[in-house]
């Protein structure tokens, strides 16, 4: 079950990237940002290879690190008491 879900995740992410590349304005913005930050532009094939290189274990380890209780903050707003 996890394998199927993970495979569908890959397809969804790659599909979203492919669709984003069809929107020329957004694509030009993305290329510009990439050039400014990294001094290079990755092709769709390079991005696809990097995404396919990510394992379920890596995602799980990252999620455990990011969502560890010591890394979670809570902000609560309480109404002021009437004077």
PDB file of N, CA and C in Angstrom:
ATOM      1  N   UNK A   1       0.826  -1.202   0.000  1.00  0.00           N
ATOM      2  CA  UNK A   1       0.000   0.000   0.000  1.00  0.00           C
ATOM      3  C   UNK A   1       0.861   1.253   0.000  1.00  0.00           C
ATOM      4  N   UNK A   2       1.899   1.302   0.815  1.00  0.00           N
ATOM      5  CA  UNK A   2       2.769   2.476   0.865  1.00  0.00           C
ATOM      6  C   UNK A   2       3.465   2.669  -0.476  1.00  0.00           C
ATOM      7  N   UNK A   3       3.870   1.590  -1.126  1.00  0.00           N
ATOM      8  CA  UNK A   3       4.569   1.685  -2.414  1.00  0.00           C
ATOM      9  C   UNK A   3       3.675   2.329  -3.465  1.00  0.00           C
ATOM     10  N   UNK A   4       2.417   1.926  -3.509  1.00  0.00           N
ATOM     11  CA  UNK A   4       1.481   2.490  -4.487  1.00  0.00           C
ATOM     12  C   UNK A   4       1.284   3.973  -4.217  1.00  0.00           C
ATOM     13  N   UNK A   5       1.077   4.347  -2.971  1.00  0.00           N
ATOM     14  CA  UNK A   5       0.878   5.744  -2.602  1.00  0.00           C
ATOM     15  C   UNK A   5       2.109   6.557  -2.951  1.00  0.00           C
ATOM     16  N   UNK A   6       3.279   6.021  -2.671  1.00  0.00           N
ATOM     17  CA  UNK A   6       4.524   6.721  -2.956  1.00  0.00           C
ATOM     18  C   UNK A   6       4.711   6.884  -4.460  1.00  0.00           C
ATOM     19  N   UNK A   7       4.374   5.868  -5.228  1.00  0.00           N
ATOM     20  CA  UNK A   7       4.466   5.959  -6.689  1.00  0.00           C
ATOM     21  C   UNK A   7       3.513   7.011  -7.233  1.00  0.00           C
ATOM     22  N   UNK A   8       2.327   7.067  -6.683  1.00  0.00           N
ATOM     23  CA  UNK A   8       1.362   8.082  -7.115  1.00  0.00           C
ATOM     24  C   UNK A   8       1.843   9.484  -6.754  1.00  0.00           C
ATOM     25  N   UNK A   9       2.531   9.596  -5.638  1.00  0.00           N
ATOM     26  CA  UNK A   9       3.096  10.886  -5.238  1.00  0.00           C
ATOM     27  C   UNK A   9       4.102  11.366  -6.276  1.00  0.00           C
ATOM     28  N   UNK A  10       4.984  10.480  -6.716  1.00  0.00           N
ATOM     29  CA  UNK A  10       5.952  10.832  -7.765  1.00  0.00           C
ATOM     30  C   UNK A  10       5.243  11.347  -9.013  1.00  0.00           C
ATOM     31  N   UNK A  11       4.251  10.601  -9.455  1.00  0.00           N
ATOM     32  CA  UNK A  11       3.522  10.997 -10.666  1.00  0.00           C
ATOM     33  C   UNK A  11       2.832  12.341 -10.501  1.00  0.00           C
ATOM     34  N   UNK A  12       2.268  12.565  -9.340  1.00  0.00           N
ATOM     35  CA  UNK A  12       1.572  13.829  -9.103  1.00  0.00           C
ATOM     36  C   UNK A  12       2.539  15.005  -9.124  1.00  0.00           C
ATOM     37  N   UNK A  13       3.664  14.882  -8.437  1.00  0.00           N
ATOM     38  CA  UNK A  13       4.651  15.965  -8.399  1.00  0.00           C
ATOM     39  C   UNK A  13       5.195  16.240  -9.794  1.00  0.00           C
ATOM     40  N   UNK A  14       5.550  15.199 -10.515  1.00  0.00           N
ATOM     41  CA  UNK A  14       6.075  15.385 -11.866  1.00  0.00           C
ATOM     42  C   UNK A  14       5.019  15.984 -12.791  1.00  0.00           C
ATOM     43  N   UNK A  15       3.772  15.571 -12.630  1.00  0.00           N
ATOM     44  CA  UNK A  15       2.683  16.131 -13.433  1.00  0.00           C
ATOM     45  C   UNK A  15       2.483  17.611 -13.154  1.00  0.00           C
ATOM     46  N   UNK A  16       2.584  18.005 -11.884  1.00  0.00           N
ATOM     47  CA  UNK A  16       2.426  19.407 -11.524  1.00  0.00           C
ATOM     48  C   UNK A  16       3.561  20.250 -12.102  1.00  0.00           C
ATOM     49  N   UNK A  17       4.773  19.715 -12.072  1.00  0.00           N
ATOM     50  CA  UNK A  17       5.910  20.436 -12.648  1.00  0.00           C
ATOM     51  C   UNK A  17       5.734  20.580 -14.153  1.00  0.00           C
ATOM     52  N   UNK A  18       5.295  19.513 -14.811  1.00  0.00           N
ATOM     53  CA  UNK A  18       5.083  19.567 -16.258  1.00  0.00           C
ATOM     54  C   UNK A  18       4.003  20.584 -16.613  1.00  0.00           C
ATOM     55  N   UNK A  19       2.925  20.616 -15.842  1.00  0.00           N
ATOM     56  CA  UNK A  19       1.859  21.589 -16.095  1.00  0.00           C
ATOM     57  C   UNK A  19       2.345  23.019 -15.851  1.00  0.00           C
ATOM     58  N   UNK A  20       3.149  23.201 -14.834  1.00  0.00           N
ATOM     59  CA  UNK A  20       3.675  24.534 -14.532  1.00  0.00           C
ATOM     60  C   UNK A  20       4.548  25.045 -15.666  1.00  0.00           C
ATOM     61  N   UNK A  21       5.230  24.142 -16.365  1.00  0.00           N
ATOM     62  CA  UNK A  21       6.095  24.563 -17.464  1.00  0.00           C
ATOM     63  C   UNK A  21       5.292  25.009 -18.679  1.00  0.00           C
ATOM     64  N   UNK A  22       4.019  24.654 -18.750  1.00  0.00           N
ATOM     65  CA  UNK A  22       3.184  25.087 -19.857  1.00  0.00           C
ATOM     66  C   UNK A  22       2.751  26.542 -19.694  1.00  0.00           C
ATOM     67  N   UNK A  23       2.774  27.043 -18.484  1.00  0.00           N
ATOM     68  CA  UNK A  23       2.417  28.436 -18.215  1.00  0.00           C
ATOM     69  C   UNK A  23       3.686  29.263 -18.385  1.00  0.00           C
ATOM     70  N   UNK A  24       3.812  29.905 -19.517  1.00  0.00           N
ATOM     71  CA  UNK A  24       5.064  30.568 -19.894  1.00  0.00           C
ATOM     72  C   UNK A  24       5.495  31.677 -18.944  1.00  0.00           C
ATOM     73  N   UNK A  25       4.540  32.441 -18.418  1.00  0.00           N
ATOM     74  CA  UNK A  25       4.900  33.512 -17.490  1.00  0.00           C
ATOM     75  C   UNK A  25       5.539  32.962 -16.228  1.00  0.00           C
ATOM     76  N   UNK A  26       4.910  31.931 -15.665  1.00  0.00           N
ATOM     77  CA  UNK A  26       5.445  31.289 -14.466  1.00  0.00           C
ATOM     78  C   UNK A  26       6.775  30.610 -14.739  1.00  0.00           C
ATOM     79  N   UNK A  27       6.898  30.029 -15.930  1.00  0.00           N
ATOM     80  CA  UNK A  27       8.145  29.362 -16.303  1.00  0.00           C
ATOM     81  C   UNK A  27       9.288  30.361 -16.375  1.00  0.00           C
ATOM     82  N   UNK A  28       9.037  31.524 -16.966  1.00  0.00           N
ATOM     83  CA  UNK A  28      10.081  32.548 -17.073  1.00  0.00           C
ATOM     84  C   UNK A  28      10.492  33.051 -15.691  1.00  0.00           C
ATOM     85  N   UNK A  29       9.518  33.214 -14.794  1.00  0.00           N
ATOM     86  CA  UNK A  29       9.832  33.612 -13.424  1.00  0.00           C
ATOM     87  C   UNK A  29      10.696  32.557 -12.742  1.00  0.00           C
ATOM     88  N   UNK A  30      10.333  31.298 -12.913  1.00  0.00           N
ATOM     89  CA  UNK A  30      11.081  30.199 -12.307  1.00  0.00           C
ATOM     90  C   UNK A  30      12.509  30.134 -12.846  1.00  0.00           C
ATOM     91  N   UNK A  31      12.659  30.317 -14.140  1.00  0.00           N
ATOM     92  CA  UNK A  31      13.991  30.294 -14.750  1.00  0.00           C
ATOM     93  C   UNK A  31      14.823  31.462 -14.211  1.00  0.00           C
ATOM     94  N   UNK A  32      14.208  32.630 -14.110  1.00  0.00           N
ATOM     95  CA  UNK A  32      14.920  33.796 -13.588  1.00  0.00           C
ATOM     96  C   UNK A  32      15.385  33.589 -12.160  1.00  0.00           C
ATOM     97  N   UNK A  33      14.514  33.050 -11.312  1.00  0.00           N
ATOM     98  CA  UNK A  33      14.883  32.783  -9.920  1.00  0.00           C
ATOM     99  C   UNK A  33      16.019  31.772  -9.851  1.00  0.00           C
ATOM    100  N   UNK A  34      15.929  30.739 -10.661  1.00  0.00           N
ATOM    101  CA  UNK A  34      16.957  29.711 -10.680  1.00  0.00           C
ATOM    102  C   UNK A  34      18.305  30.294 -11.081  1.00  0.00           C
ATOM    103  N   UNK A  35      18.305  31.143 -12.083  1.00  0.00           N
ATOM    104  CA  UNK A  35      19.548  31.781 -12.519  1.00  0.00           C
ATOM    105  C   UNK A  35      20.120  32.677 -11.425  1.00  0.00           C
ATOM    106  N   UNK A  36      19.263  33.436 -10.761  1.00  0.00           N
ATOM    107  CA  UNK A  36      19.725  34.330  -9.701  1.00  0.00           C
ATOM    108  C   UNK A  36      20.285  33.573  -8.503  1.00  0.00           C
ATOM    109  N   UNK A  37      19.594  32.509  -8.107  1.00  0.00           N
ATOM    110  CA  UNK A  37      20.000  31.784  -6.897  1.00  0.00           C
ATOM    111  C   UNK A  37      21.096  30.751  -7.135  1.00  0.00           C
ATOM    112  N   UNK A  38      21.048  30.079  -8.269  1.00  0.00           N
ATOM    113  CA  UNK A  38      21.948  28.944  -8.484  1.00  0.00           C
ATOM    114  C   UNK A  38      22.865  29.105  -9.685  1.00  0.00           C
ATOM    115  N   UNK A  39      22.662  30.158 -10.462  1.00  0.00           N
ATOM    116  CA  UNK A  39      23.455  30.424 -11.664  1.00  0.00           C
ATOM    117  C   UNK A  39      23.338  29.296 -12.693  1.00  0.00           C
ATOM    118  N   UNK A  40      22.191  28.614 -12.698  1.00  0.00           N
ATOM    119  CA  UNK A  40      21.924  27.563 -13.673  1.00  0.00           C
ATOM    120  C   UNK A  40      20.436  27.265 -13.705  1.00  0.00           C
ATOM    121  N   UNK A  41      19.996  26.614 -14.765  1.00  0.00           N
ATOM    122  CA  UNK A  41      18.595  26.212 -14.907  1.00  0.00           C
ATOM    123  C   UNK A  41      18.566  24.707 -15.157  1.00  0.00           C
ATOM    124  N   UNK A  42      17.833  23.993 -14.318  1.00  0.00           N
ATOM    125  CA  UNK A  42      17.700  22.544 -14.485  1.00  0.00           C
ATOM    126  C   UNK A  42      16.644  22.242 -15.538  1.00  0.00           C
ATOM    127  N   UNK A  43      16.916  21.238 -16.366  1.00  0.00           N
ATOM    128  CA  UNK A  43      15.923  20.789 -17.341  1.00  0.00           C
ATOM    129  C   UNK A  43      14.874  19.943 -16.619  1.00  0.00           C
ATOM    130  N   UNK A  44      13.746  19.721 -17.276  1.00  0.00           N
ATOM    131  CA  UNK A  44      12.710  18.871 -16.691  1.00  0.00           C
ATOM    132  C   UNK A  44      13.259  17.470 -16.419  1.00  0.00           C
ATOM    133  N   UNK A  45      14.087  16.965 -17.309  1.00  0.00           N
ATOM    134  CA  UNK A  45      14.667  15.622 -17.139  1.00  0.00           C
ATOM    135  C   UNK A  45      15.558  15.564 -15.895  1.00  0.00           C
ATOM    136  N   UNK A  46      16.322  16.639 -15.635  1.00  0.00           N
ATOM    137  CA  UNK A  46      17.174  16.673 -14.444  1.00  0.00           C
ATOM    138  C   UNK A  46      16.336  16.711 -13.172  1.00  0.00           C
ATOM    139  N   UNK A  47      15.287  17.510 -13.205  1.00  0.00           N
ATOM    140  CA  UNK A  47      14.392  17.598 -12.050  1.00  0.00           C
ATOM    141  C   UNK A  47      13.715  16.249 -11.807  1.00  0.00           C
ATOM    142  N   UNK A  48      13.273  15.617 -12.880  1.00  0.00           N
ATOM    143  CA  UNK A  48      12.624  14.306 -12.778  1.00  0.00           C
ATOM    144  C   UNK A  48      13.578  13.286 -12.167  1.00  0.00           C
ATOM    145  N   UNK A  49      14.821  13.267 -12.604  1.00  0.00           N
ATOM    146  CA  UNK A  49      15.805  12.316 -12.077  1.00  0.00           C
ATOM    147  C   UNK A  49      16.050  12.551 -10.587  1.00  0.00           C
ATOM    148  N   UNK A  50      16.116  13.823 -10.177  1.00  0.00           N
ATOM    149  CA  UNK A  50      16.324  14.115  -8.759  1.00  0.00           C
ATOM    150  C   UNK A  50      15.134  13.669  -7.926  1.00  0.00           C
ATOM    151  N   UNK A  51      13.924  13.930  -8.410  1.00  0.00           N
ATOM    152  CA  UNK A  51      12.728  13.527  -7.674  1.00  0.00           C
ATOM    153  C   UNK A  51      12.650  12.005  -7.583  1.00  0.00           C
ATOM    154  N   UNK A  52      12.943  11.322  -8.670  1.00  0.00           N
ATOM    155  CA  UNK A  52      12.885   9.855  -8.661  1.00  0.00           C
ATOM    156  C   UNK A  52      13.969   9.246  -7.782  1.00  0.00           C
ATOM    157  N   UNK A  53      15.014  10.013  -7.479  1.00  0.00           N
ATOM    158  CA  UNK A  53      16.084   9.533  -6.609  1.00  0.00           C
ATOM    159  C   UNK A  53      15.748   9.601  -5.131  1.00  0.00           C
ATOM    160  N   UNK A  54      14.651  10.267  -4.793  1.00  0.00           N
ATOM    161  CA  UNK A  54      14.241  10.380  -3.389  1.00  0.00           C
ATOM    162  C   UNK A  54      13.525   9.105  -2.977  1.00  0.00           C
ATOM    163  N   UNK A  55      13.902   8.581  -1.827  1.00  0.00           N
ATOM    164  CA  UNK A  55      13.291   7.343  -1.341  1.00  0.00           C
ATOM    165  C   UNK A  55      12.233   7.641  -0.290  1.00  0.00           C
ATOM    166  N   UNK A  56      11.356   6.672  -0.063  1.00  0.00           N
ATOM    167  CA  UNK A  56      10.330   6.801   0.974  1.00  0.00           C
ATOM    168  C   UNK A  56      10.990   6.955   2.338  1.00  0.00           C
ATOM    169  N   UNK A  57      12.095   6.291   2.539  1.00  0.00           N
ATOM    170  CA  UNK A  57      12.818   6.382   3.808  1.00  0.00           C
ATOM    171  C   UNK A  57      13.323   7.801   4.038  1.00  0.00           C
ATOM    172  N   UNK A  58      13.843   8.440   3.001  1.00  0.00           N
ATOM    173  CA  UNK A  58      14.323   9.820   3.133  1.00  0.00           C
ATOM    174  C   UNK A  58      13.186  10.768   3.487  1.00  0.00           C
ATOM    175  N   UNK A  59      12.035  10.573   2.869  1.00  0.00           N
ATOM    176  CA  UNK A  59      10.878  11.417   3.176  1.00  0.00           C
ATOM    177  C   UNK A  59      10.432  11.194   4.613  1.00  0.00           C
ATOM    178  N   UNK A  60      10.411   9.949   5.045  1.00  0.00           N
ATOM    179  CA  UNK A  60      10.003   9.637   6.409  1.00  0.00           C
ATOM    180  C   UNK A  60      10.975  10.230   7.420  1.00  0.00           C
ATOM    181  N   UNK A  61      12.277  10.118   7.171  1.00  0.00           N
ATOM    182  CA  UNK A  61      13.273  10.687   8.079  1.00  0.00           C
ATOM    183  C   UNK A  61      13.149  12.204   8.163  1.00  0.00           C
ATOM    184  N   UNK A  62      12.920  12.841   7.020  1.00  0.00           N
ATOM    185  CA  UNK A  62      12.759  14.294   7.003  1.00  0.00           C
ATOM    186  C   UNK A  62      11.510  14.699   7.773  1.00  0.00           C
ATOM    187  N   UNK A  63      10.415  13.983   7.557  1.00  0.00           N
ATOM    188  CA  UNK A  63       9.165  14.290   8.259  1.00  0.00           C
ATOM    189  C   UNK A  63       9.332  14.115   9.763  1.00  0.00           C
ATOM    190  N   UNK A  64      10.035  13.077  10.196  1.00  0.00           N
ATOM    191  CA  UNK A  64      10.253  12.857  11.624  1.00  0.00           C
ATOM    192  C   UNK A  64      11.087  13.982  12.227  1.00  0.00           C
ATOM    193  N   UNK A  65      12.044  14.490  11.471  1.00  0.00           N
ATOM    194  CA  UNK A  65      12.882  15.583  11.959  1.00  0.00           C
ATOM    195  C   UNK A  65      12.086  16.902  12.009  1.00  0.00           C
ATOM    196  N   UNK A  66      11.345  17.182  10.956  1.00  0.00           N
ATOM    197  CA  UNK A  66      10.597  18.438  10.880  1.00  0.00           C
ATOM    198  C   UNK A  66       9.449  18.465  11.892  1.00  0.00           C
ATOM    199  N   UNK A  67       8.744  17.343  12.035  1.00  0.00           N
ATOM    200  CA  UNK A  67       7.576  17.305  12.901  1.00  0.00           C
ATOM    201  C   UNK A  67       7.858  16.736  14.289  1.00  0.00           C
ATOM    202  N   UNK A  68       9.122  16.699  14.683  1.00  0.00           N
ATOM    203  CA  UNK A  68       9.466  16.253  16.028  1.00  0.00           C
ATOM    204  C   UNK A  68       8.841  17.220  17.035  1.00  0.00           C
ATOM    205  N   UNK A  69       8.328  16.713  18.146  1.00  0.00           N
ATOM    206  CA  UNK A  69       7.653  17.583  19.127  1.00  0.00           C
ATOM    207  C   UNK A  69       8.490  18.794  19.544  1.00  0.00           C
ATOM    208  N   UNK A  70       9.790  18.650  19.648  1.00  0.00           N
ATOM    209  CA  UNK A  70      10.624  19.779  20.064  1.00  0.00           C
ATOM    210  C   UNK A  70      10.747  20.852  18.975  1.00  0.00           C
ATOM    211  N   UNK A  71      10.319  20.533  17.756  1.00  0.00           N
ATOM    212  CA  UNK A  71      10.367  21.504  16.655  1.00  0.00           C
ATOM    213  C   UNK A  71       9.012  22.144  16.359  1.00  0.00           C
ATOM    214  N   UNK A  72       7.990  21.744  17.093  1.00  0.00           N
ATOM    215  CA  UNK A  72       6.645  22.245  16.859  1.00  0.00           C
ATOM    216  C   UNK A  72       6.349  23.397  17.819  1.00  0.00           C
ATOM    217  N   UNK A  73       5.852  24.486  17.279  1.00  0.00           N
ATOM    218  CA  UNK A  73       5.469  25.639  18.075  1.00  0.00           C
ATOM    219  C   UNK A  73       3.963  25.829  17.959  1.00  0.00           C
ATOM    220  N   UNK A  74       3.386  26.384  19.010  1.00  0.00           N
ATOM    221  CA  UNK A  74       1.959  26.648  19.021  1.00  0.00           C
ATOM    222  C   UNK A  74       1.725  28.092  19.415  1.00  0.00           C
ATOM    223  N   UNK A  75       0.830  28.728  18.732  1.00  0.00           N
ATOM    224  CA  UNK A  75       0.447  30.095  19.050  1.00  0.00           C
ATOM    225  C   UNK A  75      -1.051  30.088  19.306  1.00  0.00           C
ATOM    226  N   UNK A  76      -1.435  30.586  20.472  1.00  0.00           N
ATOM    227  CA  UNK A  76      -2.851  30.606  20.826  1.00  0.00           C
ATOM    228  C   UNK A  76      -3.263  32.035  21.154  1.00  0.00           C
ATOM    229  N   UNK A  77      -4.366  32.459  20.578  1.00  0.00           N
ATOM    230  CA  UNK A  77      -4.928  33.775  20.868  1.00  0.00           C
ATOM    231  C   UNK A  77      -6.123  33.602  21.793  1.00  0.00           C
ATOM    232  N   UNK A  78      -6.151  34.408  22.853  1.00  0.00           N
ATOM    233  CA  UNK A  78      -7.268  34.370  23.782  1.00  0.00           C
ATOM    234  C   UNK A  78      -7.906  35.750  23.783  1.00  0.00           C
ATOM    235  N   UNK A  79      -9.225  35.814  23.814  1.00  0.00           N
ATOM    236  CA  UNK A  79      -9.869  37.127  23.842  1.00  0.00           C
ATOM    237  C   UNK A  79      -9.555  37.857  25.146  1.00  0.00           C
ATOM    238  N   UNK A  80      -9.438  39.174  25.039  1.00  0.00           N
ATOM    239  CA  UNK A  80      -9.188  39.961  26.226  1.00  0.00           C
ATOM    240  C   UNK A  80     -10.428  39.925  27.118  1.00  0.00           C
ATOM    241  N   UNK A  81     -10.171  39.945  28.409  1.00  0.00           N
ATOM    242  CA  UNK A  81     -11.297  40.000  29.327  1.00  0.00           C
ATOM    243  C   UNK A  81     -11.907  41.393  29.268  1.00  0.00           C
ATOM    244  N   UNK A  82     -13.219  41.447  29.341  1.00  0.00           N
ATOM    245  CA  UNK A  82     -13.894  42.735  29.295  1.00  0.00           C
ATOM    246  C   UNK A  82     -13.579  43.509  30.566  1.00  0.00           C
ATOM    247  N   UNK A  83     -13.386  44.822  30.385  1.00  0.00           N
ATOM    248  CA  UNK A  83     -13.040  45.676  31.540  1.00  0.00           C
ATOM    249  C   UNK A  83     -14.252  46.244  32.186  1.00  0.00           C
TER     250      UNK A  83
END
